[in-house]
Amino acid sequence: MTTATTTTATMTYQRRTKDQLAARVAQDIFDGAVVNLGIGQPTLVANHLPAGREVILQSENGILGMGPAPAAGEEDYDLINAGKQPVTLLPGGSFFHHADSFAMMRGGHLDICVLGAFQVSATGDLANWHTGEKDAIPAVGGAMDLAIGAKQTWVMMDLLTKQGASKLVKECTYPLTGIACVKRVYSDLATLECTPAGLKLIDKVDGLGLDELEKLVGLPIAA
């Protein structure tokens, strides 16, 4: 996988690849955490959990104790995650009815969920299930349950759309999944915290200045 390089008039910086971003998220998951990885990019986090750190992965379709993705040719399509991707099961893992899984999600038993997003507001509102397009098929799934039920909700996404617009916004214009639920945003350019006062910088890629990041986002970012 190649790393995209962006050059401005004053600086050059490299965006995190999807695997680098997944590794950055995995770095912050603490030992013993029970974690749900949402559909799409977040599932890559399972492949980058540090050796020796026990993280219990949950899937909303009723799995607890997932491992990394199976090797090519070793997929078992009777064992899939909520995104219908084949997964592995670690020793001690289990699978069960999805009603029990949703009770787990809604009951506050997840330490962290990692979700994708279309938009996140500076104060942590989440829009990740529908863009409002007429031809789009709404499919919220368990996103609302996860966003509100987990002790911490993290978002993993590209900072900008394909058209160059920031996915971090002052106020979401897409239908909301949850209000003030996102604690952190992990992106290809920076890691940011959402607070009642707005965005706060955790880290950014080398070569990207804070002023340039603020211009890309279009919002103030506290250092």
Protein backbone atom coordinates (compact mmCIF):
# COMPACT_ATOMS: atom_id res chain seq x y z
CA MET A 1 0.00 0.00 0.00
CA THR A 2 1.36 3.40 -0.95
CA THR A 3 1.24 6.52 1.18
CA ALA A 4 -0.26 9.63 -0.41
CA THR A 5 1.96 12.69 -0.32
CA THR A 6 0.50 16.19 -0.24
CA THR A 7 2.58 19.25 -1.01
CA THR A 8 1.56 22.83 -0.21
CA ALA A 9 3.46 26.03 -0.83
CA THR A 10 5.12 25.75 2.57
CA MET A 11 5.29 22.08 3.54
CA THR A 12 5.11 18.46 2.55
CA TYR A 13 3.40 15.74 4.57
CA GLN A 14 2.30 12.15 4.14
CA ARG A 15 -1.17 10.92 4.94
CA ARG A 16 -1.50 7.78 7.05
CA THR A 17 -2.42 4.72 5.02
CA LYS A 18 -5.45 2.74 6.17
CA ASP A 19 -3.17 0.24 7.93
CA GLN A 20 -1.14 3.01 9.57
CA LEU A 21 -4.35 4.60 10.76
CA ALA A 22 -5.60 1.27 12.10
CA ALA A 23 -2.31 0.81 13.97
CA ARG A 24 -2.66 4.32 15.43
CA VAL A 25 -6.12 3.48 16.77
CA ALA A 26 -4.94 0.12 18.13
CA GLN A 27 -2.12 1.87 19.99
CA ASP A 28 -4.64 3.66 22.25
CA ILE A 29 -6.82 0.66 23.12
CA PHE A 30 -5.97 -0.30 26.67
CA ASP A 31 -5.27 -3.78 28.01
CA GLY A 32 -8.44 -5.64 28.98
CA ALA A 33 -10.78 -3.43 26.94
CA VAL A 34 -13.98 -4.81 25.40
CA VAL A 35 -14.21 -3.20 21.96
CA ASN A 36 -16.62 -3.14 19.03
CA LEU A 37 -15.10 -2.42 15.63
CA GLY A 38 -17.61 -0.95 13.19
CA ILE A 39 -18.11 -1.91 9.55
CA GLY A 40 -15.48 -0.76 7.05
CA GLN A 41 -12.10 0.72 8.00
CA PRO A 42 -12.47 0.04 11.76
CA THR A 43 -12.29 -3.73 11.18
CA LEU A 44 -8.60 -3.30 10.22
CA VAL A 45 -7.81 -2.41 13.85
CA ALA A 46 -8.07 -6.13 14.75
CA ASN A 47 -4.97 -6.81 12.65
CA HIS A 48 -2.83 -4.26 14.50
CA LEU A 49 -3.47 -4.85 18.20
CA PRO A 50 -0.13 -4.92 20.05
CA ALA A 51 1.22 -8.35 20.97
CA GLY A 52 0.69 -9.22 24.60
CA ARG A 53 -2.26 -6.83 25.04
CA GLU A 54 -5.57 -8.55 25.75
CA VAL A 55 -8.39 -6.82 23.88
CA ILE A 56 -11.77 -8.56 23.67
CA LEU A 57 -13.45 -7.79 20.34
CA GLN A 58 -17.24 -7.86 20.06
CA SER A 59 -19.42 -7.89 16.94
CA GLU A 60 -23.05 -6.78 17.04
CA ASN A 61 -24.25 -9.89 15.22
CA GLY A 62 -23.27 -11.90 18.30
CA ILE A 63 -19.55 -12.63 18.67
CA LEU A 64 -17.22 -12.05 21.58
CA GLY A 65 -13.52 -12.81 21.35
CA MET A 66 -12.75 -12.24 17.66
CA GLY A 67 -9.19 -12.41 16.41
CA PRO A 68 -7.53 -10.93 13.30
CA ALA A 69 -8.79 -11.57 9.78
CA PRO A 70 -8.20 -15.13 8.57
CA ALA A 71 -5.38 -15.92 6.17
CA ALA A 72 -6.29 -16.21 2.50
CA GLY A 73 -7.85 -19.58 1.82
CA GLU A 74 -8.74 -20.17 5.48
CA GLU A 75 -11.97 -18.16 5.54
CA ASP A 76 -15.01 -19.75 7.20
CA TYR A 77 -18.16 -17.97 6.02
CA ASP A 78 -20.14 -19.52 8.88
CA LEU A 79 -18.13 -17.19 11.12
CA ILE A 80 -18.56 -13.57 9.99
CA ASN A 81 -18.74 -10.15 11.58
CA ALA A 82 -21.56 -7.61 11.22
CA GLY A 83 -20.10 -6.50 7.89
CA LYS A 84 -20.29 -10.08 6.57
CA GLN A 85 -16.50 -10.39 6.54
CA PRO A 86 -14.99 -13.73 7.64
CA VAL A 87 -13.29 -13.50 11.02
CA THR A 88 -11.37 -15.73 13.40
CA LEU A 89 -12.31 -16.71 16.94
CA LEU A 90 -9.69 -16.69 19.69
CA PRO A 91 -9.54 -19.40 22.38
CA GLY A 92 -12.35 -18.69 24.85
CA GLY A 93 -14.36 -16.77 22.26
CA SER A 94 -18.09 -17.32 21.81
CA PHE A 95 -21.04 -16.55 19.57
CA PHE A 96 -24.65 -15.99 20.64
CA HIS A 97 -28.02 -14.49 19.70
CA HIS A 98 -27.91 -10.94 18.40
CA ALA A 99 -30.50 -9.88 21.01
CA ASP A 100 -27.94 -10.73 23.71
CA SER A 101 -25.34 -8.78 21.74
CA PHE A 102 -27.55 -5.68 21.63
CA ALA A 103 -28.22 -6.00 25.35
CA MET A 104 -24.46 -5.97 25.81
CA MET A 105 -24.15 -2.84 23.65
CA ARG A 106 -27.05 -0.98 25.21
CA GLY A 107 -26.13 -1.99 28.74
CA GLY A 108 -22.85 -0.08 28.85
CA HIS A 109 -20.64 -3.17 28.71
CA LEU A 110 -18.42 -1.96 25.84
CA ASP A 111 -15.40 0.10 26.81
CA ILE A 112 -14.82 1.44 23.29
CA CYS A 113 -16.50 1.34 19.92
CA VAL A 114 -14.69 2.45 16.78
CA LEU A 115 -16.98 3.67 14.00
CA GLY A 116 -16.70 5.26 10.59
CA ALA A 117 -18.45 8.56 9.86
CA PHE A 118 -19.72 10.88 7.16
CA GLN A 119 -19.49 13.86 9.52
CA VAL A 120 -18.46 14.59 13.10
CA SER A 121 -19.11 17.94 14.76
CA ALA A 122 -16.48 19.72 16.83
CA THR A 123 -18.47 18.89 19.97
CA GLY A 124 -18.83 15.20 19.11
CA ASP A 125 -22.14 14.84 17.29
CA LEU A 126 -22.01 11.85 14.93
CA ALA A 127 -23.55 11.35 11.49
CA ASN A 128 -22.62 7.99 10.03
CA TRP A 129 -25.68 6.19 8.71
CA HIS A 130 -27.27 8.29 5.94
CA THR A 131 -26.16 11.13 3.66
CA GLY A 132 -29.70 12.24 2.87
CA GLU A 133 -29.28 11.42 -0.82
CA LYS A 134 -32.56 10.38 -2.45
CA ASP A 135 -31.16 7.15 -3.89
CA ALA A 136 -29.29 6.13 -0.72
CA ILE A 137 -30.69 3.27 1.33
CA PRO A 138 -30.85 4.20 5.04
CA ALA A 139 -29.23 1.48 7.14
CA VAL A 140 -28.51 2.60 10.66
CA GLY A 141 -28.06 -0.95 11.95
CA GLY A 142 -26.63 -0.92 15.47
CA ALA A 143 -24.76 2.38 15.05
CA MET A 144 -27.06 4.34 17.37
CA ASP A 145 -26.87 1.66 20.05
CA LEU A 146 -23.08 1.57 19.81
CA ALA A 147 -22.56 5.32 19.71
CA ILE A 148 -24.59 5.92 22.86
CA GLY A 149 -24.04 2.61 24.67
CA ALA A 150 -20.24 2.42 24.60
CA LYS A 151 -18.25 4.14 27.34
CA GLN A 152 -16.11 5.78 24.64
CA THR A 153 -16.97 6.28 20.97
CA TRP A 154 -14.06 6.83 18.60
CA VAL A 155 -14.32 7.64 14.91
CA MET A 156 -11.84 6.41 12.31
CA MET A 157 -12.06 8.16 8.92
CA ASP A 158 -10.34 10.19 6.23
CA LEU A 159 -10.31 13.83 7.31
CA LEU A 160 -11.53 15.09 3.91
CA THR A 161 -14.11 13.90 1.40
CA LYS A 162 -13.07 13.06 -2.17
CA GLN A 163 -14.13 16.60 -3.05
CA GLY A 164 -11.78 18.05 -0.41
CA ALA A 165 -14.42 19.09 2.13
CA SER A 166 -13.75 18.49 5.81
CA LYS A 167 -15.72 15.72 7.51
CA LEU A 168 -15.13 17.58 10.77
CA VAL A 169 -17.71 20.35 10.88
CA LYS A 170 -19.16 22.95 13.20
CA GLU A 171 -22.59 21.31 12.94
CA CYS A 172 -23.55 18.11 11.12
CA THR A 173 -25.79 18.56 8.09
CA TYR A 174 -26.47 14.83 7.67
CA PRO A 175 -29.01 12.93 9.83
CA LEU A 176 -27.54 12.39 13.30
CA THR A 177 -26.62 9.03 14.77
CA GLY A 178 -25.87 10.42 18.23
CA ILE A 179 -25.36 13.74 20.02
CA ALA A 180 -22.08 14.63 21.76
CA CYS A 181 -21.06 10.96 21.77
CA VAL A 182 -17.70 11.04 19.90
CA LYS A 183 -14.68 11.46 22.17
CA ARG A 184 -11.90 11.10 19.58
CA VAL A 185 -11.46 11.28 15.83
CA TYR A 186 -8.60 9.29 14.28
CA SER A 187 -7.95 10.46 10.72
CA ASP A 188 -5.35 10.09 8.00
CA LEU A 189 -3.89 13.51 8.94
CA ALA A 190 -4.48 14.00 12.65
CA THR A 191 -5.92 12.62 15.87
CA LEU A 192 -8.32 15.01 17.57
CA GLU A 193 -10.43 15.11 20.71
CA CYS A 194 -14.01 16.40 20.61
CA THR A 195 -14.86 18.48 23.68
CA PRO A 196 -17.76 20.77 24.70
CA ALA A 197 -15.46 23.69 23.82
CA GLY A 198 -14.52 22.27 20.39
CA LEU A 199 -11.62 20.38 18.86
CA LYS A 200 -8.36 19.66 20.67
CA LEU A 201 -5.24 18.29 18.96
CA ILE A 202 -3.78 14.99 20.15
CA ASP A 203 -1.29 14.44 17.31
CA LYS A 204 -0.80 15.06 13.58
CA VAL A 205 1.35 13.69 10.78
CA ASP A 206 4.88 15.03 10.42
CA GLY A 207 5.17 18.14 8.25
CA LEU A 208 1.60 19.29 8.74
CA GLY A 209 1.42 22.54 10.67
CA LEU A 210 -1.43 23.38 13.03
CA ASP A 211 -2.35 26.44 10.94
CA GLU A 212 -2.59 24.29 7.80
CA LEU A 213 -4.68 21.69 9.65
CA GLU A 214 -7.07 24.41 10.84
CA LYS A 215 -7.42 25.64 7.24
CA LEU A 216 -8.24 22.11 6.04
CA VAL A 217 -10.81 21.60 8.78
CA GLY A 218 -12.14 25.16 8.75
CA LEU A 219 -12.40 25.22 12.52
CA PRO A 220 -10.17 26.33 15.40
CA ILE A 221 -8.15 23.53 17.02
CA ALA A 222 -6.71 23.89 20.51
CA ALA A 223 -3.13 22.65 20.82
